[in-house]
């Protein structure tokens, strides 16, 4: 993704428009389609981040790696795996199975629960 973005950033506006016209596409439609894809991907990433945060997990946002059909990462605290696809929004991995046992948030929730018993 970064290499693709860098290659596009290296092109002039005129070169991008010329390539789009050569392909027989409307530049405005292509731009809107690209914006839509990026918005959807951003929503999926926000959803993954919020769900992990609610479970007490933390990930390094710079460590996402694209593998077979999905992006993969691990919790910084407990090492649990996490993956998601931008196309479907599907989330998988050990990190989604429960609270992070290594985070401070888990210890606080455990103490609160034990007081209620």
PDB file of N, CA and C in Angstrom:
ATOM      1  N   UNK A   1       0.831  -1.192   0.000  1.00  0.00           N
ATOM      2  CA  UNK A   1       0.000   0.000   0.000  1.00  0.00           C
ATOM      3  C   UNK A   1       0.874   1.255   0.000  1.00  0.00           C
ATOM      4  N   UNK A   2       1.912   1.242   0.840  1.00  0.00           N
ATOM      5  CA  UNK A   2       2.779   2.415   0.906  1.00  0.00           C
ATOM      6  C   UNK A   2       3.486   2.653  -0.422  1.00  0.00           C
ATOM      7  N   UNK A   3       3.957   1.582  -1.062  1.00  0.00           N
ATOM      8  CA  UNK A   3       4.639   1.726  -2.341  1.00  0.00           C
ATOM      9  C   UNK A   3       3.687   2.246  -3.409  1.00  0.00           C
ATOM     10  N   UNK A   4       2.458   1.749  -3.387  1.00  0.00           N
ATOM     11  CA  UNK A   4       1.462   2.226  -4.341  1.00  0.00           C
ATOM     12  C   UNK A   4       1.192   3.714  -4.128  1.00  0.00           C
ATOM     13  N   UNK A   5       1.011   4.100  -2.867  1.00  0.00           N
ATOM     14  CA  UNK A   5       0.756   5.512  -2.556  1.00  0.00           C
ATOM     15  C   UNK A   5       1.934   6.377  -2.991  1.00  0.00           C
ATOM     16  N   UNK A   6       3.152   5.913  -2.732  1.00  0.00           N
ATOM     17  CA  UNK A   6       4.327   6.694  -3.119  1.00  0.00           C
ATOM     18  C   UNK A   6       4.440   6.834  -4.634  1.00  0.00           C
ATOM     19  N   UNK A   7       4.096   5.757  -5.371  1.00  0.00           N
ATOM     20  CA  UNK A   7       4.183   5.845  -6.828  1.00  0.00           C
ATOM     21  C   UNK A   7       3.155   6.833  -7.370  1.00  0.00           C
ATOM     22  N   UNK A   8       1.973   6.869  -6.774  1.00  0.00           N
ATOM     23  CA  UNK A   8       0.945   7.811  -7.208  1.00  0.00           C
ATOM     24  C   UNK A   8       1.344   9.229  -6.822  1.00  0.00           C
ATOM     25  N   UNK A   9       1.905   9.398  -5.627  1.00  0.00           N
ATOM     26  CA  UNK A   9       2.323  10.738  -5.203  1.00  0.00           C
ATOM     27  C   UNK A   9       3.437  11.284  -6.078  1.00  0.00           C
ATOM     28  N   UNK A  10       4.222  10.391  -6.674  1.00  0.00           N
ATOM     29  CA  UNK A  10       5.324  10.825  -7.531  1.00  0.00           C
ATOM     30  C   UNK A  10       4.873  11.293  -8.900  1.00  0.00           C
ATOM     31  N   UNK A  11       3.640  11.016  -9.269  1.00  0.00           N
ATOM     32  CA  UNK A  11       3.119  11.425 -10.579  1.00  0.00           C
ATOM     33  C   UNK A  11       2.520  12.825 -10.499  1.00  0.00           C
ATOM     34  N   UNK A  12       2.623  13.521 -11.598  1.00  0.00           N
ATOM     35  CA  UNK A  12       1.979  14.836 -11.670  1.00  0.00           C
ATOM     36  C   UNK A  12       0.482  14.634 -11.902  1.00  0.00           C
ATOM     37  N   UNK A  13      -0.301  15.662 -11.613  1.00  0.00           N
ATOM     38  CA  UNK A  13      -1.746  15.600 -11.867  1.00  0.00           C
ATOM     39  C   UNK A  13      -2.027  15.315 -13.336  1.00  0.00           C
ATOM     40  N   UNK A  14      -1.234  15.933 -14.205  1.00  0.00           N
ATOM     41  CA  UNK A  14      -1.427  15.746 -15.646  1.00  0.00           C
ATOM     42  C   UNK A  14      -1.193  14.287 -16.044  1.00  0.00           C
ATOM     43  N   UNK A  15      -0.165  13.657 -15.466  1.00  0.00           N
ATOM     44  CA  UNK A  15       0.135  12.257 -15.785  1.00  0.00           C
ATOM     45  C   UNK A  15      -0.982  11.339 -15.310  1.00  0.00           C
ATOM     46  N   UNK A  16      -1.512  11.603 -14.135  1.00  0.00           N
ATOM     47  CA  UNK A  16      -2.611  10.788 -13.605  1.00  0.00           C
ATOM     48  C   UNK A  16      -3.849  10.935 -14.478  1.00  0.00           C
ATOM     49  N   UNK A  17      -4.184  12.163 -14.846  1.00  0.00           N
ATOM     50  CA  UNK A  17      -5.347  12.399 -15.725  1.00  0.00           C
ATOM     51  C   UNK A  17      -5.155  11.734 -17.087  1.00  0.00           C
ATOM     52  N   UNK A  18      -3.946  11.803 -17.626  1.00  0.00           N
ATOM     53  CA  UNK A  18      -3.675  11.186 -18.920  1.00  0.00           C
ATOM     54  C   UNK A  18      -3.855   9.672 -18.849  1.00  0.00           C
ATOM     55  N   UNK A  19      -3.336   9.048 -17.765  1.00  0.00           N
ATOM     56  CA  UNK A  19      -3.498   7.595 -17.594  1.00  0.00           C
ATOM     57  C   UNK A  19      -4.968   7.215 -17.450  1.00  0.00           C
ATOM     58  N   UNK A  20      -5.701   8.015 -16.726  1.00  0.00           N
ATOM     59  CA  UNK A  20      -7.126   7.737 -16.521  1.00  0.00           C
ATOM     60  C   UNK A  20      -7.875   7.831 -17.849  1.00  0.00           C
ATOM     61  N   UNK A  21      -7.598   8.880 -18.623  1.00  0.00           N
ATOM     62  CA  UNK A  21      -8.251   9.042 -19.929  1.00  0.00           C
ATOM     63  C   UNK A  21      -7.866   7.909 -20.877  1.00  0.00           C
ATOM     64  N   UNK A  22      -6.579   7.493 -20.854  1.00  0.00           N
ATOM     65  CA  UNK A  22      -6.113   6.396 -21.718  1.00  0.00           C
ATOM     66  C   UNK A  22      -6.853   5.092 -21.402  1.00  0.00           C
ATOM     67  N   UNK A  23      -7.186   4.913 -20.134  1.00  0.00           N
ATOM     68  CA  UNK A  23      -7.900   3.705 -19.723  1.00  0.00           C
ATOM     69  C   UNK A  23      -9.387   3.793 -20.043  1.00  0.00           C
ATOM     70  N   UNK A  24      -9.822   4.952 -20.529  1.00  0.00           N
ATOM     71  CA  UNK A  24     -11.228   5.131 -20.883  1.00  0.00           C
ATOM     72  C   UNK A  24     -12.122   5.408 -19.688  1.00  0.00           C
ATOM     73  N   UNK A  25     -11.550   5.909 -18.610  1.00  0.00           N
ATOM     74  CA  UNK A  25     -12.318   6.180 -17.388  1.00  0.00           C
ATOM     75  C   UNK A  25     -12.535   7.672 -17.201  1.00  0.00           C
ATOM     76  N   UNK A  26     -13.549   7.988 -16.421  1.00  0.00           N
ATOM     77  CA  UNK A  26     -13.829   9.372 -16.050  1.00  0.00           C
ATOM     78  C   UNK A  26     -13.060   9.674 -14.761  1.00  0.00           C
ATOM     79  N   UNK A  27     -12.176  10.652 -14.763  1.00  0.00           N
ATOM     80  CA  UNK A  27     -11.369  10.958 -13.578  1.00  0.00           C
ATOM     81  C   UNK A  27     -12.200  11.247 -12.328  1.00  0.00           C
ATOM     82  N   UNK A  28     -13.317  11.932 -12.489  1.00  0.00           N
ATOM     83  CA  UNK A  28     -14.156  12.248 -11.321  1.00  0.00           C
ATOM     84  C   UNK A  28     -14.769  10.982 -10.724  1.00  0.00           C
ATOM     85  N   UNK A  29     -15.230  10.089 -11.585  1.00  0.00           N
ATOM     86  CA  UNK A  29     -15.800   8.827 -11.090  1.00  0.00           C
ATOM     87  C   UNK A  29     -14.738   7.976 -10.409  1.00  0.00           C
ATOM     88  N   UNK A  30     -13.553   7.935 -10.988  1.00  0.00           N
ATOM     89  CA  UNK A  30     -12.453   7.166 -10.390  1.00  0.00           C
ATOM     90  C   UNK A  30     -12.059   7.761  -9.039  1.00  0.00           C
ATOM     91  N   UNK A  31     -12.028   9.086  -8.958  1.00  0.00           N
ATOM     92  CA  UNK A  31     -11.679   9.747  -7.697  1.00  0.00           C
ATOM     93  C   UNK A  31     -12.721   9.437  -6.627  1.00  0.00           C
ATOM     94  N   UNK A  32     -13.991   9.479  -6.983  1.00  0.00           N
ATOM     95  CA  UNK A  32     -15.054   9.184  -6.013  1.00  0.00           C
ATOM     96  C   UNK A  32     -15.000   7.720  -5.576  1.00  0.00           C
ATOM     97  N   UNK A  33     -14.733   6.833  -6.515  1.00  0.00           N
ATOM     98  CA  UNK A  33     -14.621   5.410  -6.185  1.00  0.00           C
ATOM     99  C   UNK A  33     -13.456   5.171  -5.214  1.00  0.00           C
ATOM    100  N   UNK A  34     -12.344   5.849  -5.456  1.00  0.00           N
ATOM    101  CA  UNK A  34     -11.179   5.727  -4.573  1.00  0.00           C
ATOM    102  C   UNK A  34     -11.496   6.261  -3.186  1.00  0.00           C
ATOM    103  N   UNK A  35     -12.180   7.409  -3.122  1.00  0.00           N
ATOM    104  CA  UNK A  35     -12.570   7.969  -1.823  1.00  0.00           C
ATOM    105  C   UNK A  35     -13.464   7.007  -1.060  1.00  0.00           C
ATOM    106  N   UNK A  36     -14.407   6.377  -1.746  1.00  0.00           N
ATOM    107  CA  UNK A  36     -15.320   5.424  -1.121  1.00  0.00           C
ATOM    108  C   UNK A  36     -14.559   4.231  -0.542  1.00  0.00           C
ATOM    109  N   UNK A  37     -13.638   3.695  -1.302  1.00  0.00           N
ATOM    110  CA  UNK A  37     -12.844   2.549  -0.831  1.00  0.00           C
ATOM    111  C   UNK A  37     -12.037   2.937   0.400  1.00  0.00           C
ATOM    112  N   UNK A  38     -11.422   4.112   0.364  1.00  0.00           N
ATOM    113  CA  UNK A  38     -10.619   4.558   1.508  1.00  0.00           C
ATOM    114  C   UNK A  38     -11.488   4.825   2.733  1.00  0.00           C
ATOM    115  N   UNK A  39     -12.683   5.387   2.544  1.00  0.00           N
ATOM    116  CA  UNK A  39     -13.593   5.621   3.670  1.00  0.00           C
ATOM    117  C   UNK A  39     -14.019   4.302   4.307  1.00  0.00           C
ATOM    118  N   UNK A  40     -14.355   3.315   3.470  1.00  0.00           N
ATOM    119  CA  UNK A  40     -14.770   2.009   3.993  1.00  0.00           C
ATOM    120  C   UNK A  40     -13.633   1.357   4.771  1.00  0.00           C
ATOM    121  N   UNK A  41     -12.429   1.405   4.224  1.00  0.00           N
ATOM    122  CA  UNK A  41     -11.275   0.817   4.914  1.00  0.00           C
ATOM    123  C   UNK A  41     -11.022   1.524   6.240  1.00  0.00           C
ATOM    124  N   UNK A  42     -11.169   2.834   6.243  1.00  0.00           N
ATOM    125  CA  UNK A  42     -10.975   3.602   7.476  1.00  0.00           C
ATOM    126  C   UNK A  42     -11.998   3.218   8.541  1.00  0.00           C
ATOM    127  N   UNK A  43     -13.256   3.006   8.139  1.00  0.00           N
ATOM    128  CA  UNK A  43     -14.304   2.595   9.088  1.00  0.00           C
ATOM    129  C   UNK A  43     -13.994   1.218   9.673  1.00  0.00           C
ATOM    130  N   UNK A  44     -13.523   0.311   8.840  1.00  0.00           N
ATOM    131  CA  UNK A  44     -13.184  -1.032   9.326  1.00  0.00           C
ATOM    132  C   UNK A  44     -12.037  -0.953  10.323  1.00  0.00           C
ATOM    133  N   UNK A  45     -11.005  -0.199   9.998  1.00  0.00           N
ATOM    134  CA  UNK A  45      -9.857  -0.063  10.898  1.00  0.00           C
ATOM    135  C   UNK A  45     -10.283   0.570  12.218  1.00  0.00           C
ATOM    136  N   UNK A  46     -11.140   1.588  12.168  1.00  0.00           N
ATOM    137  CA  UNK A  46     -11.650   2.208  13.402  1.00  0.00           C
ATOM    138  C   UNK A  46     -12.440   1.196  14.233  1.00  0.00           C
ATOM    139  N   UNK A  47     -13.251   0.375  13.573  1.00  0.00           N
ATOM    140  CA  UNK A  47     -14.023  -0.645  14.284  1.00  0.00           C
ATOM    141  C   UNK A  47     -13.136  -1.665  14.960  1.00  0.00           C
ATOM    142  N   UNK A  48     -12.099  -2.107  14.275  1.00  0.00           N
ATOM    143  CA  UNK A  48     -11.145  -3.059  14.853  1.00  0.00           C
ATOM    144  C   UNK A  48     -10.454  -2.429  16.054  1.00  0.00           C
ATOM    145  N   UNK A  49      -9.976  -1.205  15.888  1.00  0.00           N
ATOM    146  CA  UNK A  49      -9.269  -0.517  16.974  1.00  0.00           C
ATOM    147  C   UNK A  49     -10.158  -0.321  18.190  1.00  0.00           C
ATOM    148  N   UNK A  50     -11.405   0.096  17.981  1.00  0.00           N
ATOM    149  CA  UNK A  50     -12.325   0.308  19.102  1.00  0.00           C
ATOM    150  C   UNK A  50     -12.641  -0.995  19.829  1.00  0.00           C
ATOM    151  N   UNK A  51     -12.859  -2.067  19.070  1.00  0.00           N
ATOM    152  CA  UNK A  51     -13.161  -3.357  19.697  1.00  0.00           C
ATOM    153  C   UNK A  51     -11.972  -3.849  20.522  1.00  0.00           C
ATOM    154  N   UNK A  52     -10.759  -3.720  19.983  1.00  0.00           N
ATOM    155  CA  UNK A  52      -9.571  -4.136  20.720  1.00  0.00           C
ATOM    156  C   UNK A  52      -9.385  -3.292  21.974  1.00  0.00           C
ATOM    157  N   UNK A  53      -9.605  -2.002  21.844  1.00  0.00           N
ATOM    158  CA  UNK A  53      -9.472  -1.101  22.982  1.00  0.00           C
ATOM    159  C   UNK A  53     -10.455  -1.469  24.093  1.00  0.00           C
ATOM    160  N   UNK A  54     -11.694  -1.771  23.716  1.00  0.00           N
ATOM    161  CA  UNK A  54     -12.698  -2.166  24.707  1.00  0.00           C
ATOM    162  C   UNK A  54     -12.338  -3.460  25.424  1.00  0.00           C
ATOM    163  N   UNK A  55     -11.545  -4.292  24.771  1.00  0.00           N
ATOM    164  CA  UNK A  55     -11.121  -5.552  25.380  1.00  0.00           C
ATOM    165  C   UNK A  55      -9.783  -5.411  26.118  1.00  0.00           C
ATOM    166  N   UNK A  56      -9.209  -4.217  26.108  1.00  0.00           N
ATOM    167  CA  UNK A  56      -7.958  -3.967  26.815  1.00  0.00           C
ATOM    168  C   UNK A  56      -6.713  -4.293  26.013  1.00  0.00           C
ATOM    169  N   UNK A  57      -6.873  -4.684  24.772  1.00  0.00           N
ATOM    170  CA  UNK A  57      -5.720  -4.998  23.933  1.00  0.00           C
ATOM    171  C   UNK A  57      -5.164  -3.724  23.305  1.00  0.00           C
ATOM    172  N   UNK A  58      -3.885  -3.759  22.979  1.00  0.00           N
ATOM    173  CA  UNK A  58      -3.245  -2.636  22.298  1.00  0.00           C
ATOM    174  C   UNK A  58      -2.403  -3.187  21.162  1.00  0.00           C
ATOM    175  N   UNK A  59      -2.422  -2.512  20.050  1.00  0.00           N
ATOM    176  CA  UNK A  59      -1.604  -2.907  18.911  1.00  0.00           C
ATOM    177  C   UNK A  59      -0.800  -1.706  18.439  1.00  0.00           C
ATOM    178  N   UNK A  60       0.306  -1.975  17.796  1.00  0.00           N
ATOM    179  CA  UNK A  60       1.071  -0.916  17.177  1.00  0.00           C
ATOM    180  C   UNK A  60       0.480  -0.714  15.786  1.00  0.00           C
ATOM    181  N   UNK A  61      -0.092   0.443  15.493  1.00  0.00           N
ATOM    182  CA  UNK A  61      -0.737   0.645  14.193  1.00  0.00           C
ATOM    183  C   UNK A  61       0.237   0.537  13.019  1.00  0.00           C
ATOM    184  N   UNK A  62       1.523   0.663  13.279  1.00  0.00           N
ATOM    185  CA  UNK A  62       2.519   0.547  12.214  1.00  0.00           C
ATOM    186  C   UNK A  62       2.929  -0.898  11.942  1.00  0.00           C
ATOM    187  N   UNK A  63       2.434  -1.833  12.738  1.00  0.00           N
ATOM    188  CA  UNK A  63       2.810  -3.238  12.582  1.00  0.00           C
ATOM    189  C   UNK A  63       1.800  -4.063  11.801  1.00  0.00           C
ATOM    190  N   UNK A  64       0.773  -3.440  11.231  1.00  0.00           N
ATOM    191  CA  UNK A  64      -0.169  -4.202  10.415  1.00  0.00           C
ATOM    192  C   UNK A  64       0.561  -4.729   9.195  1.00  0.00           C
ATOM    193  N   UNK A  65       0.419  -6.029   8.928  1.00  0.00           N
ATOM    194  CA  UNK A  65       1.037  -6.663   7.763  1.00  0.00           C
ATOM    195  C   UNK A  65      -0.043  -7.348   6.950  1.00  0.00           C
ATOM    196  N   UNK A  66       0.026  -7.148   5.647  1.00  0.00           N
ATOM    197  CA  UNK A  66      -0.946  -7.792   4.785  1.00  0.00           C
ATOM    198  C   UNK A  66      -0.455  -9.197   4.480  1.00  0.00           C
ATOM    199  N   UNK A  67      -1.288 -10.171   4.785  1.00  0.00           N
ATOM    200  CA  UNK A  67      -0.977 -11.565   4.505  1.00  0.00           C
ATOM    201  C   UNK A  67      -2.050 -12.129   3.607  1.00  0.00           C
ATOM    202  N   UNK A  68      -2.245 -13.400   3.722  1.00  0.00           N
ATOM    203  CA  UNK A  68      -3.215 -14.070   2.868  1.00  0.00           C
ATOM    204  C   UNK A  68      -4.622 -13.564   3.165  1.00  0.00           C
ATOM    205  N   UNK A  69      -5.147 -12.686   2.319  1.00  0.00           N
ATOM    206  CA  UNK A  69      -6.510 -12.171   2.335  1.00  0.00           C
ATOM    207  C   UNK A  69      -6.841 -11.243   3.499  1.00  0.00           C
ATOM    208  N   UNK A  70      -5.903 -10.935   4.388  1.00  0.00           N
ATOM    209  CA  UNK A  70      -6.248 -10.115   5.541  1.00  0.00           C
ATOM    210  C   UNK A  70      -5.015  -9.371   6.060  1.00  0.00           C
ATOM    211  N   UNK A  71      -5.276  -8.384   6.916  1.00  0.00           N
ATOM    212  CA  UNK A  71      -4.213  -7.687   7.629  1.00  0.00           C
ATOM    213  C   UNK A  71      -4.052  -8.355   8.986  1.00  0.00           C
ATOM    214  N   UNK A  72      -2.793  -8.496   9.436  1.00  0.00           N
ATOM    215  CA  UNK A  72      -2.495  -9.216  10.669  1.00  0.00           C
ATOM    216  C   UNK A  72      -1.657  -8.346  11.601  1.00  0.00           C
ATOM    217  N   UNK A  73      -1.876  -8.562  12.909  1.00  0.00           N
ATOM    218  CA  UNK A  73      -1.121  -7.859  13.932  1.00  0.00           C
ATOM    219  C   UNK A  73      -1.193  -8.687  15.210  1.00  0.00           C
ATOM    220  N   UNK A  74      -0.550  -8.218  16.282  1.00  0.00           N
ATOM    221  CA  UNK A  74      -0.597  -8.899  17.584  1.00  0.00           C
ATOM    222  C   UNK A  74      -0.741  -7.866  18.690  1.00  0.00           C
ATOM    223  N   UNK A  75      -1.372  -8.289  19.780  1.00  0.00           N
ATOM    224  CA  UNK A  75      -1.509  -7.422  20.950  1.00  0.00           C
ATOM    225  C   UNK A  75      -0.124  -7.179  21.545  1.00  0.00           C
ATOM    226  N   UNK A  76       0.165  -5.935  21.868  1.00  0.00           N
ATOM    227  CA  UNK A  76       1.452  -5.586  22.462  1.00  0.00           C
ATOM    228  C   UNK A  76       1.606  -6.148  23.871  1.00  0.00           C
ATOM    229  N   UNK A  77       0.503  -6.361  24.577  1.00  0.00           N
ATOM    230  CA  UNK A  77       0.549  -6.844  25.956  1.00  0.00           C
ATOM    231  C   UNK A  77       0.667  -8.360  26.044  1.00  0.00           C
ATOM    232  N   UNK A  78      -0.205  -9.057  25.349  1.00  0.00           N
ATOM    233  CA  UNK A  78      -0.289 -10.519  25.538  1.00  0.00           C
ATOM    234  C   UNK A  78       0.111 -11.323  24.304  1.00  0.00           C
ATOM    235  N   UNK A  79       0.324 -10.659  23.181  1.00  0.00           N
ATOM    236  CA  UNK A  79       0.742 -11.355  21.968  1.00  0.00           C
ATOM    237  C   UNK A  79      -0.378 -12.051  21.209  1.00  0.00           C
ATOM    238  N   UNK A  80      -1.633 -11.865  21.629  1.00  0.00           N
ATOM    239  CA  UNK A  80      -2.756 -12.496  20.936  1.00  0.00           C
ATOM    240  C   UNK A  80      -2.850 -11.983  19.511  1.00  0.00           C
ATOM    241  N   UNK A  81      -3.207 -12.877  18.603  1.00  0.00           N
ATOM    242  CA  UNK A  81      -3.300 -12.510  17.199  1.00  0.00           C
ATOM    243  C   UNK A  81      -4.600 -11.769  16.902  1.00  0.00           C
ATOM    244  N   UNK A  82      -4.551 -10.950  15.864  1.00  0.00           N
ATOM    245  CA  UNK A  82      -5.724 -10.220  15.392  1.00  0.00           C
ATOM    246  C   UNK A  82      -5.581 -10.046  13.886  1.00  0.00           C
ATOM    247  N   UNK A  83      -6.681 -10.218  13.181  1.00  0.00           N
ATOM    248  CA  UNK A  83      -6.665  -9.973  11.739  1.00  0.00           C
ATOM    249  C   UNK A  83      -8.026  -9.452  11.310  1.00  0.00           C
ATOM    250  N   UNK A  84      -8.039  -8.778  10.164  1.00  0.00           N
ATOM    251  CA  UNK A  84      -9.289  -8.281   9.613  1.00  0.00           C
ATOM    252  C   UNK A  84      -9.143  -8.110   8.113  1.00  0.00           C
ATOM    253  N   UNK A  85     -10.285  -8.108   7.443  1.00  0.00           N
ATOM    254  CA  UNK A  85     -10.314  -7.825   6.011  1.00  0.00           C
ATOM    255  C   UNK A  85     -11.044  -6.502   5.798  1.00  0.00           C
ATOM    256  N   UNK A  86     -10.523  -5.693   4.906  1.00  0.00           N
ATOM    257  CA  UNK A  86     -11.181  -4.419   4.630  1.00  0.00           C
ATOM    258  C   UNK A  86     -12.397  -4.613   3.744  1.00  0.00           C
ATOM    259  N   UNK A  87     -12.401  -5.645   2.937  1.00  0.00           N
ATOM    260  CA  UNK A  87     -13.520  -5.874   2.013  1.00  0.00           C
ATOM    261  C   UNK A  87     -14.808  -6.226   2.743  1.00  0.00           C
ATOM    262  N   UNK A  88     -14.712  -7.090   3.751  1.00  0.00           N
ATOM    263  CA  UNK A  88     -15.913  -7.553   4.452  1.00  0.00           C
ATOM    264  C   UNK A  88     -16.027  -7.029   5.874  1.00  0.00           C
ATOM    265  N   UNK A  89     -14.928  -6.516   6.425  1.00  0.00           N
ATOM    266  CA  UNK A  89     -14.936  -6.058   7.812  1.00  0.00           C
ATOM    267  C   UNK A  89     -14.817  -7.201   8.803  1.00  0.00           C
ATOM    268  N   UNK A  90     -14.587  -8.418   8.315  1.00  0.00           N
ATOM    269  CA  UNK A  90     -14.493  -9.587   9.189  1.00  0.00           C
ATOM    270  C   UNK A  90     -13.264  -9.461  10.091  1.00  0.00           C
ATOM    271  N   UNK A  91     -13.476  -9.720  11.398  1.00  0.00           N
ATOM    272  CA  UNK A  91     -12.406  -9.667  12.388  1.00  0.00           C
ATOM    273  C   UNK A  91     -12.203 -11.064  12.951  1.00  0.00           C
ATOM    274  N   UNK A  92     -10.954 -11.454  13.078  1.00  0.00           N
ATOM    275  CA  UNK A  92     -10.623 -12.773  13.626  1.00  0.00           C
ATOM    276  C   UNK A  92      -9.424 -12.664  14.546  1.00  0.00           C
ATOM    277  N   UNK A  93      -9.253 -13.697  15.355  1.00  0.00           N
ATOM    278  CA  UNK A  93      -8.054 -13.792  16.173  1.00  0.00           C
ATOM    279  C   UNK A  93      -8.359 -13.954  17.643  1.00  0.00           C
ATOM    280  N   UNK A  94      -7.340 -14.413  18.345  1.00  0.00           N
ATOM    281  CA  UNK A  94      -7.450 -14.652  19.785  1.00  0.00           C
ATOM    282  C   UNK A  94      -7.800 -13.385  20.559  1.00  0.00           C
ATOM    283  N   UNK A  95      -7.341 -12.249  20.066  1.00  0.00           N
ATOM    284  CA  UNK A  95      -7.560 -10.989  20.781  1.00  0.00           C
ATOM    285  C   UNK A  95      -9.039 -10.640  20.913  1.00  0.00           C
ATOM    286  N   UNK A  96      -9.867 -11.143  20.005  1.00  0.00           N
ATOM    287  CA  UNK A  96     -11.296 -10.838  20.054  1.00  0.00           C
ATOM    288  C   UNK A  96     -12.074 -11.801  20.940  1.00  0.00           C
ATOM    289  N   UNK A  97     -11.404 -12.784  21.520  1.00  0.00           N
ATOM    290  CA  UNK A  97     -12.083 -13.801  22.324  1.00  0.00           C
ATOM    291  C   UNK A  97     -12.336 -13.364  23.766  1.00  0.00           C
ATOM    292  N   UNK A  98     -11.711 -12.289  24.201  1.00  0.00           N
ATOM    293  CA  UNK A  98     -11.952 -11.830  25.563  1.00  0.00           C
ATOM    294  C   UNK A  98     -11.003 -10.718  25.961  1.00  0.00           C
ATOM    295  N   UNK A  99     -11.100 -10.345  27.230  1.00  0.00           N
ATOM    296  CA  UNK A  99     -10.261  -9.276  27.758  1.00  0.00           C
ATOM    297  C   UNK A  99      -8.792  -9.671  27.719  1.00  0.00           C
ATOM    298  N   UNK A 100      -7.938  -8.700  27.519  1.00  0.00           N
ATOM    299  CA  UNK A 100      -6.500  -8.934  27.510  1.00  0.00           C
ATOM    300  C   UNK A 100      -6.048  -9.233  28.940  1.00  0.00           C
ATOM    301  N   UNK A 101      -5.498 -10.422  29.175  1.00  0.00           N
ATOM    302  CA  UNK A 101      -5.096 -10.787  30.533  1.00  0.00           C
ATOM    303  C   UNK A 101      -3.881 -10.015  31.034  1.00  0.00           C
ATOM    304  N   UNK A 102      -3.169  -9.336  30.157  1.00  0.00           N
ATOM    305  CA  UNK A 102      -1.949  -8.635  30.550  1.00  0.00           C
ATOM    306  C   UNK A 102      -2.136  -7.126  30.708  1.00  0.00           C
ATOM    307  N   UNK A 103      -3.309  -6.612  30.387  1.00  0.00           N
ATOM    308  CA  UNK A 103      -3.505  -5.167  30.463  1.00  0.00           C
ATOM    309  C   UNK A 103      -3.991  -4.750  31.840  1.00  0.00           C
ATOM    310  N   UNK A 104      -3.763  -3.485  32.170  1.00  0.00           N
ATOM    311  CA  UNK A 104      -4.242  -2.928  33.433  1.00  0.00           C
ATOM    312  C   UNK A 104      -5.765  -2.924  33.473  1.00  0.00           C
ATOM    313  N   UNK A 105      -6.396  -2.736  32.344  1.00  0.00           N
ATOM    314  CA  UNK A 105      -7.851  -2.701  32.255  1.00  0.00           C
ATOM    315  C   UNK A 105      -8.445  -4.025  32.743  1.00  0.00           C
ATOM    316  N   UNK A 106      -7.809  -5.141  32.420  1.00  0.00           N
ATOM    317  CA  UNK A 106      -8.279  -6.459  32.839  1.00  0.00           C
ATOM    318  C   UNK A 106      -8.226  -6.563  34.366  1.00  0.00           C
ATOM    319  N   UNK A 107      -7.128  -6.110  34.964  1.00  0.00           N
ATOM    320  CA  UNK A 107      -6.981  -6.181  36.418  1.00  0.00           C
ATOM    321  C   UNK A 107      -8.031  -5.328  37.117  1.00  0.00           C
ATOM    322  N   UNK A 108      -8.328  -4.152  36.584  1.00  0.00           N
ATOM    323  CA  UNK A 108      -9.332  -3.270  37.191  1.00  0.00           C
ATOM    324  C   UNK A 108     -10.707  -3.912  37.109  1.00  0.00           C
ATOM    325  N   UNK A 109     -11.070  -4.467  35.980  1.00  0.00           N
ATOM    326  CA  UNK A 109     -12.378  -5.118  35.828  1.00  0.00           C
ATOM    327  C   UNK A 109     -12.494  -6.330  36.756  1.00  0.00           C
ATOM    328  N   UNK A 110     -11.394  -7.074  36.898  1.00  0.00           N
ATOM    329  CA  UNK A 110     -11.407  -8.250  37.774  1.00  0.00           C
ATOM    330  C   UNK A 110     -11.645  -7.846  39.228  1.00  0.00           C
ATOM    331  N   UNK A 111     -10.981  -6.760  39.660  1.00  0.00           N
ATOM    332  CA  UNK A 111     -11.173  -6.285  41.033  1.00  0.00           C
ATOM    333  C   UNK A 111     -12.613  -5.820  41.258  1.00  0.00           C
ATOM    334  N   UNK A 112     -13.173  -5.100  40.290  1.00  0.00           N
ATOM    335  CA  UNK A 112     -14.555  -4.633  40.415  1.00  0.00           C
ATOM    336  C   UNK A 112     -15.512  -5.812  40.497  1.00  0.00           C
ATOM    337  N   UNK A 113     -15.291  -6.818  39.688  1.00  0.00           N
ATOM    338  CA  UNK A 113     -16.153  -8.000  39.694  1.00  0.00           C
ATOM    339  C   UNK A 113     -16.062  -8.748  41.017  1.00  0.00           C
ATOM    340  N   UNK A 114     -14.875  -8.843  41.591  1.00  0.00           N
ATOM    341  CA  UNK A 114     -14.718  -9.580  42.838  1.00  0.00           C
ATOM    342  C   UNK A 114     -15.376  -8.843  44.005  1.00  0.00           C
ATOM    343  N   UNK A 115     -15.473  -7.541  43.936  1.00  0.00           N
ATOM    344  CA  UNK A 115     -16.150  -6.758  44.982  1.00  0.00           C
ATOM    345  C   UNK A 115     -17.644  -6.929  44.932  1.00  0.00           C
ATOM    346  N   UNK A 116     -18.171  -7.225  43.727  1.00  0.00           N
ATOM    347  CA  UNK A 116     -19.615  -7.365  43.572  1.00  0.00           C
ATOM    348  C   UNK A 116     -20.120  -8.723  44.085  1.00  0.00           C
ATOM    349  N   UNK A 117     -19.228  -9.655  44.260  1.00  0.00           N
ATOM    350  CA  UNK A 117     -19.645 -11.011  44.657  1.00  0.00           C
ATOM    351  C   UNK A 117     -19.889 -11.118  46.123  1.00  0.00           C
TER     352      UNK A 117
END
